[in-house]
Amino acid sequence: MTPSTTKILFDENIPRLLVSELARLMTFALEDERADVRHLLDFTNQQGVWDEVWIPRAAQEEWMVIAADRGKKGTKKGDKLPRLCAAYGMTLVLLSRRVHVRPRFQKLLTILSVWHELIEIGKMRGPLRFNLEPLSMAIESRGRGRLVRRDTPPSAVPSPTPPGHLF
């Protein structure tokens, strides 16, 4: 990978097998289509690591995050993923619910359908936020998607939580 290669980090809520298959596909990609693709479990080497712990390192290493975690529900204390990514100036792509519930193969096709856009977005500096939504609800559109930019208003961008501070 070259120094300008886009780095895409998939959160735990995306199946690890899907991410490893996507990483294997990179061997067939042209140079300008390649990305360093990793699953969060491979990035942290352990399961259940709080976002506050891995986000600072991912931001420093200039990873773009793809997740289905919208940070709206859950019992976890501390900041939610969208707020942390904004605070650390990271690019976040959130799978819409309709994309996230697609079968794995259709989910992979949906990600691949916007692949060139993801590569370009990965070269931009954040904080940026996008939603990956279905192209349409028509049966012939399953496995196809579109990226919709969702800017975080400046007033919603919090200051980063100090490393090691979880609450």
C-alpha atoms as a PDB file:
ATOM      1  CA  MET A   1       0.000   0.000   0.000  1.00  0.00           C
ATOM      2  CA  THR A   2       1.179   3.506  -0.781  1.00  0.00           C
ATOM      3  CA  PRO A   3       1.251   6.311   1.818  1.00  0.00           C
ATOM      4  CA  SER A   4      -1.879   7.867   0.258  1.00  0.00           C
ATOM      5  CA  THR A   5      -3.839   4.614   0.344  1.00  0.00           C
ATOM      6  CA  THR A   6      -7.281   4.987   1.869  1.00  0.00           C
ATOM      7  CA  LYS A   7      -7.627   3.169   5.192  1.00  0.00           C
ATOM      8  CA  ILE A   8     -11.059   1.750   5.993  1.00  0.00           C
ATOM      9  CA  LEU A   9     -11.785   0.379   9.442  1.00  0.00           C
ATOM     10  CA  PHE A  10     -15.017  -1.592   9.911  1.00  0.00           C
ATOM     11  CA  ASP A  11     -16.623  -1.527  13.344  1.00  0.00           C
ATOM     12  CA  GLU A  12     -17.564  -4.700  15.238  1.00  0.00           C
ATOM     13  CA  ASN A  13     -21.178  -4.472  14.087  1.00  0.00           C
ATOM     14  CA  ILE A  14     -20.083  -5.356  10.527  1.00  0.00           C
ATOM     15  CA  PRO A  15     -19.412  -9.107  10.135  1.00  0.00           C
ATOM     16  CA  ARG A  16     -15.687  -9.892  10.347  1.00  0.00           C
ATOM     17  CA  LEU A  17     -15.970 -12.489   7.568  1.00  0.00           C
ATOM     18  CA  LEU A  18     -17.435  -9.873   5.216  1.00  0.00           C
ATOM     19  CA  VAL A  19     -14.497  -7.555   5.942  1.00  0.00           C
ATOM     20  CA  SER A  20     -11.876 -10.272   5.418  1.00  0.00           C
ATOM     21  CA  GLU A  21     -13.444 -11.188   2.068  1.00  0.00           C
ATOM     22  CA  LEU A  22     -13.428  -7.525   1.076  1.00  0.00           C
ATOM     23  CA  ALA A  23      -9.748  -7.304   2.076  1.00  0.00           C
ATOM     24  CA  ARG A  24      -9.004 -10.344  -0.119  1.00  0.00           C
ATOM     25  CA  LEU A  25     -10.699  -8.617  -3.059  1.00  0.00           C
ATOM     26  CA  MET A  26      -8.137  -5.804  -2.805  1.00  0.00           C
ATOM     27  CA  THR A  27      -5.573  -8.099  -4.477  1.00  0.00           C
ATOM     28  CA  PHE A  28      -7.632  -7.777  -7.683  1.00  0.00           C
ATOM     29  CA  ALA A  29      -8.117  -4.019  -7.487  1.00  0.00           C
ATOM     30  CA  LEU A  30      -6.192  -1.535  -9.584  1.00  0.00           C
ATOM     31  CA  GLU A  31      -3.717   0.605  -7.654  1.00  0.00           C
ATOM     32  CA  ASP A  32      -6.090   3.586  -7.403  1.00  0.00           C
ATOM     33  CA  GLU A  33      -8.961   1.317  -6.256  1.00  0.00           C
ATOM     34  CA  ARG A  34      -7.105  -0.309  -3.368  1.00  0.00           C
ATOM     35  CA  ALA A  35      -7.627   0.371   0.281  1.00  0.00           C
ATOM     36  CA  ASP A  36      -6.207  -0.955   3.505  1.00  0.00           C
ATOM     37  CA  VAL A  37      -9.306  -2.735   4.833  1.00  0.00           C
ATOM     38  CA  ARG A  38      -9.453  -3.938   8.440  1.00  0.00           C
ATOM     39  CA  HIS A  39     -11.974  -5.111  10.979  1.00  0.00           C
ATOM     40  CA  LEU A  40     -11.925  -3.514  14.417  1.00  0.00           C
ATOM     41  CA  LEU A  41     -11.156  -6.879  16.053  1.00  0.00           C
ATOM     42  CA  ASP A  42      -7.968  -7.061  13.976  1.00  0.00           C
ATOM     43  CA  PHE A  43      -7.136  -3.443  14.799  1.00  0.00           C
ATOM     44  CA  THR A  44      -7.530  -3.802  18.582  1.00  0.00           C
ATOM     45  CA  ASN A  45      -6.819  -7.549  18.944  1.00  0.00           C
ATOM     46  CA  GLN A  46      -9.682  -7.864  21.404  1.00  0.00           C
ATOM     47  CA  GLN A  47     -13.455  -7.716  21.471  1.00  0.00           C
ATOM     48  CA  GLY A  48     -15.548  -5.090  23.197  1.00  0.00           C
ATOM     49  CA  VAL A  49     -12.972  -2.304  23.309  1.00  0.00           C
ATOM     50  CA  TRP A  50     -14.731   0.964  24.034  1.00  0.00           C
ATOM     51  CA  ASP A  51     -14.784   3.523  21.241  1.00  0.00           C
ATOM     52  CA  GLU A  52     -12.986   6.046  23.477  1.00  0.00           C
ATOM     53  CA  VAL A  53     -10.002   3.692  23.583  1.00  0.00           C
ATOM     54  CA  TRP A  54      -9.480   2.889  19.887  1.00  0.00           C
ATOM     55  CA  ILE A  55     -10.752   6.105  18.238  1.00  0.00           C
ATOM     56  CA  PRO A  56      -7.698   8.255  19.181  1.00  0.00           C
ATOM     57  CA  ARG A  57      -5.293   5.755  17.582  1.00  0.00           C
ATOM     58  CA  ALA A  58      -7.506   5.317  14.515  1.00  0.00           C
ATOM     59  CA  ALA A  59      -7.703   9.100  14.118  1.00  0.00           C
ATOM     60  CA  GLN A  60      -3.937   9.490  14.430  1.00  0.00           C
ATOM     61  CA  GLU A  61      -3.409   6.792  11.788  1.00  0.00           C
ATOM     62  CA  GLU A  62      -6.039   8.440   9.527  1.00  0.00           C
ATOM     63  CA  TRP A  63      -8.564   5.606   9.307  1.00  0.00           C
ATOM     64  CA  MET A  64     -12.072   6.138   7.967  1.00  0.00           C
ATOM     65  CA  VAL A  65     -14.696   4.219   9.972  1.00  0.00           C
ATOM     66  CA  ILE A  66     -17.627   2.285   8.533  1.00  0.00           C
ATOM     67  CA  ALA A  67     -20.220   1.200  11.073  1.00  0.00           C
ATOM     68  CA  ALA A  68     -23.868   0.457  11.647  1.00  0.00           C
ATOM     69  CA  ASP A  69     -23.660   1.870  15.182  1.00  0.00           C
ATOM     70  CA  ARG A  70     -25.637   5.084  15.039  1.00  0.00           C
ATOM     71  CA  GLY A  71     -24.968   5.816  18.713  1.00  0.00           C
ATOM     72  CA  LYS A  72     -28.649   6.303  19.519  1.00  0.00           C
ATOM     73  CA  LYS A  73     -29.317   3.354  21.806  1.00  0.00           C
ATOM     74  CA  GLY A  74     -27.440   1.057  24.087  1.00  0.00           C
ATOM     75  CA  THR A  75     -26.379   0.918  27.677  1.00  0.00           C
ATOM     76  CA  LYS A  76     -22.767   1.946  27.138  1.00  0.00           C
ATOM     77  CA  LYS A  77     -21.722   4.987  29.101  1.00  0.00           C
ATOM     78  CA  GLY A  78     -19.399   7.501  27.531  1.00  0.00           C
ATOM     79  CA  ASP A  79     -19.510   9.158  24.138  1.00  0.00           C
ATOM     80  CA  LYS A  80     -21.201   7.586  21.137  1.00  0.00           C
ATOM     81  CA  LEU A  81     -19.263   6.680  17.987  1.00  0.00           C
ATOM     82  CA  PRO A  82     -20.624   9.502  15.751  1.00  0.00           C
ATOM     83  CA  ARG A  83     -19.720  12.146  18.354  1.00  0.00           C
ATOM     84  CA  LEU A  84     -16.253  10.677  18.931  1.00  0.00           C
ATOM     85  CA  CYS A  85     -15.475  10.541  15.212  1.00  0.00           C
ATOM     86  CA  ALA A  86     -16.545  14.170  14.850  1.00  0.00           C
ATOM     87  CA  ALA A  87     -14.482  15.206  17.874  1.00  0.00           C
ATOM     88  CA  TYR A  88     -11.357  13.535  16.498  1.00  0.00           C
ATOM     89  CA  GLY A  89     -11.876  14.884  12.972  1.00  0.00           C
ATOM     90  CA  MET A  90     -12.564  11.457  11.465  1.00  0.00           C
ATOM     91  CA  THR A  91     -14.682  10.410   8.516  1.00  0.00           C
ATOM     92  CA  LEU A  92     -17.571   8.136   9.459  1.00  0.00           C
ATOM     93  CA  VAL A  93     -19.797   6.188   7.082  1.00  0.00           C
ATOM     94  CA  LEU A  94     -22.911   4.798   8.728  1.00  0.00           C
ATOM     95  CA  LEU A  95     -24.861   1.972   7.138  1.00  0.00           C
ATOM     96  CA  SER A  96     -28.551   2.755   7.105  1.00  0.00           C
ATOM     97  CA  ARG A  97     -30.775   0.242   8.864  1.00  0.00           C
ATOM     98  CA  ARG A  98     -32.038  -1.032   5.502  1.00  0.00           C
ATOM     99  CA  VAL A  99     -28.482  -1.679   4.313  1.00  0.00           C
ATOM    100  CA  HIS A 100     -27.375  -3.179   7.625  1.00  0.00           C
ATOM    101  CA  VAL A 101     -30.176  -5.780   7.652  1.00  0.00           C
ATOM    102  CA  ARG A 102     -29.415  -6.937   4.110  1.00  0.00           C
ATOM    103  CA  PRO A 103     -27.976 -10.448   3.764  1.00  0.00           C
ATOM    104  CA  ARG A 104     -24.164 -10.440   3.869  1.00  0.00           C
ATOM    105  CA  PHE A 105     -23.681 -10.845   0.124  1.00  0.00           C
ATOM    106  CA  GLN A 106     -26.052  -7.970  -0.673  1.00  0.00           C
ATOM    107  CA  LYS A 107     -24.393  -5.873   2.035  1.00  0.00           C
ATOM    108  CA  LEU A 108     -20.986  -6.522   0.433  1.00  0.00           C
ATOM    109  CA  LEU A 109     -22.382  -5.648  -3.005  1.00  0.00           C
ATOM    110  CA  THR A 110     -23.819  -2.434  -1.586  1.00  0.00           C
ATOM    111  CA  ILE A 111     -20.424  -1.431  -0.177  1.00  0.00           C
ATOM    112  CA  LEU A 112     -18.736  -2.313  -3.468  1.00  0.00           C
ATOM    113  CA  SER A 113     -21.334  -0.303  -5.416  1.00  0.00           C
ATOM    114  CA  VAL A 114     -19.987   2.881  -3.779  1.00  0.00           C
ATOM    115  CA  TRP A 115     -16.368   1.721  -3.573  1.00  0.00           C
ATOM    116  CA  HIS A 116     -14.828   4.433  -5.773  1.00  0.00           C
ATOM    117  CA  GLU A 117     -16.658   7.098  -3.765  1.00  0.00           C
ATOM    118  CA  LEU A 118     -15.368   5.578  -0.509  1.00  0.00           C
ATOM    119  CA  ILE A 119     -11.810   5.753  -1.843  1.00  0.00           C
ATOM    120  CA  GLU A 120     -12.249   9.456  -2.655  1.00  0.00           C
ATOM    121  CA  ILE A 121     -13.951  10.204   0.673  1.00  0.00           C
ATOM    122  CA  GLY A 122     -11.068   8.494   2.462  1.00  0.00           C
ATOM    123  CA  LYS A 123      -8.680  11.074   1.010  1.00  0.00           C
ATOM    124  CA  MET A 124     -10.704  13.978   2.440  1.00  0.00           C
ATOM    125  CA  ARG A 125     -10.114  15.372   5.919  1.00  0.00           C
ATOM    126  CA  GLY A 126     -12.929  15.290   8.430  1.00  0.00           C
ATOM    127  CA  PRO A 127     -14.915  15.492  10.402  1.00  0.00           C
ATOM    128  CA  LEU A 128     -17.149  14.119   7.669  1.00  0.00           C
ATOM    129  CA  ARG A 129     -20.197  11.911   7.996  1.00  0.00           C
ATOM    130  CA  PHE A 130     -22.028   9.941   5.343  1.00  0.00           C
ATOM    131  CA  ASN A 131     -24.897   7.489   5.324  1.00  0.00           C
ATOM    132  CA  LEU A 132     -24.807   4.467   3.029  1.00  0.00           C
ATOM    133  CA  GLU A 133     -28.403   4.031   1.926  1.00  0.00           C
ATOM    134  CA  PRO A 134     -30.130   1.696  -0.540  1.00  0.00           C
ATOM    135  CA  LEU A 135     -30.278   3.069  -4.067  1.00  0.00           C
ATOM    136  CA  SER A 136     -33.999   2.309  -4.043  1.00  0.00           C
ATOM    137  CA  MET A 137     -36.384  -0.253  -2.652  1.00  0.00           C
ATOM    138  CA  ALA A 138     -36.858  -1.924  -6.053  1.00  0.00           C
ATOM    139  CA  ILE A 139     -35.822  -5.584  -6.197  1.00  0.00           C
ATOM    140  CA  GLU A 140     -33.363  -4.896  -9.016  1.00  0.00           C
ATOM    141  CA  SER A 141     -31.575  -2.369  -6.795  1.00  0.00           C
ATOM    142  CA  ARG A 142     -30.749  -4.750  -3.971  1.00  0.00           C
ATOM    143  CA  GLY A 143     -27.017  -4.762  -3.516  1.00  0.00           C
ATOM    144  CA  ARG A 144     -26.735  -1.181  -4.774  1.00  0.00           C
ATOM    145  CA  GLY A 145     -26.377   1.886  -2.641  1.00  0.00           C
ATOM    146  CA  ARG A 146     -25.657   5.582  -2.519  1.00  0.00           C
ATOM    147  CA  LEU A 147     -23.682   7.754  -0.137  1.00  0.00           C
ATOM    148  CA  VAL A 148     -25.470  10.741   1.346  1.00  0.00           C
ATOM    149  CA  ARG A 149     -23.437  13.391   3.121  1.00  0.00           C
ATOM    150  CA  ARG A 150     -24.618  14.260   6.619  1.00  0.00           C
ATOM    151  CA  ASP A 151     -22.565  17.069   8.067  1.00  0.00           C
ATOM    152  CA  THR A 152     -22.217  17.389  11.807  1.00  0.00           C
ATOM    153  CA  PRO A 153     -23.133  20.946  12.796  1.00  0.00           C
ATOM    154  CA  PRO A 154     -20.164  22.723  14.454  1.00  0.00           C
ATOM    155  CA  SER A 155     -22.182  23.156  17.666  1.00  0.00           C
ATOM    156  CA  ALA A 156     -22.579  19.352  17.907  1.00  0.00           C
ATOM    157  CA  VAL A 157     -18.854  18.645  17.659  1.00  0.00           C
ATOM    158  CA  PRO A 158     -17.686  17.980  21.218  1.00  0.00           C
ATOM    159  CA  SER A 159     -14.160  18.265  22.483  1.00  0.00           C
ATOM    160  CA  PRO A 160     -12.423  14.866  22.570  1.00  0.00           C
ATOM    161  CA  THR A 161     -12.682  12.806  25.732  1.00  0.00           C
ATOM    162  CA  PRO A 162      -9.211  12.590  27.301  1.00  0.00           C
ATOM    163  CA  PRO A 163      -7.555   9.206  26.622  1.00  0.00           C
ATOM    164  CA  GLY A 164      -8.199   6.758  29.433  1.00  0.00           C
ATOM    165  CA  HIS A 165     -11.256   8.711  30.616  1.00  0.00           C
ATOM    166  CA  LEU A 166     -14.275   6.501  30.008  1.00  0.00           C
ATOM    167  CA  PHE A 167     -17.068   8.339  31.794  1.00  0.00           C
END
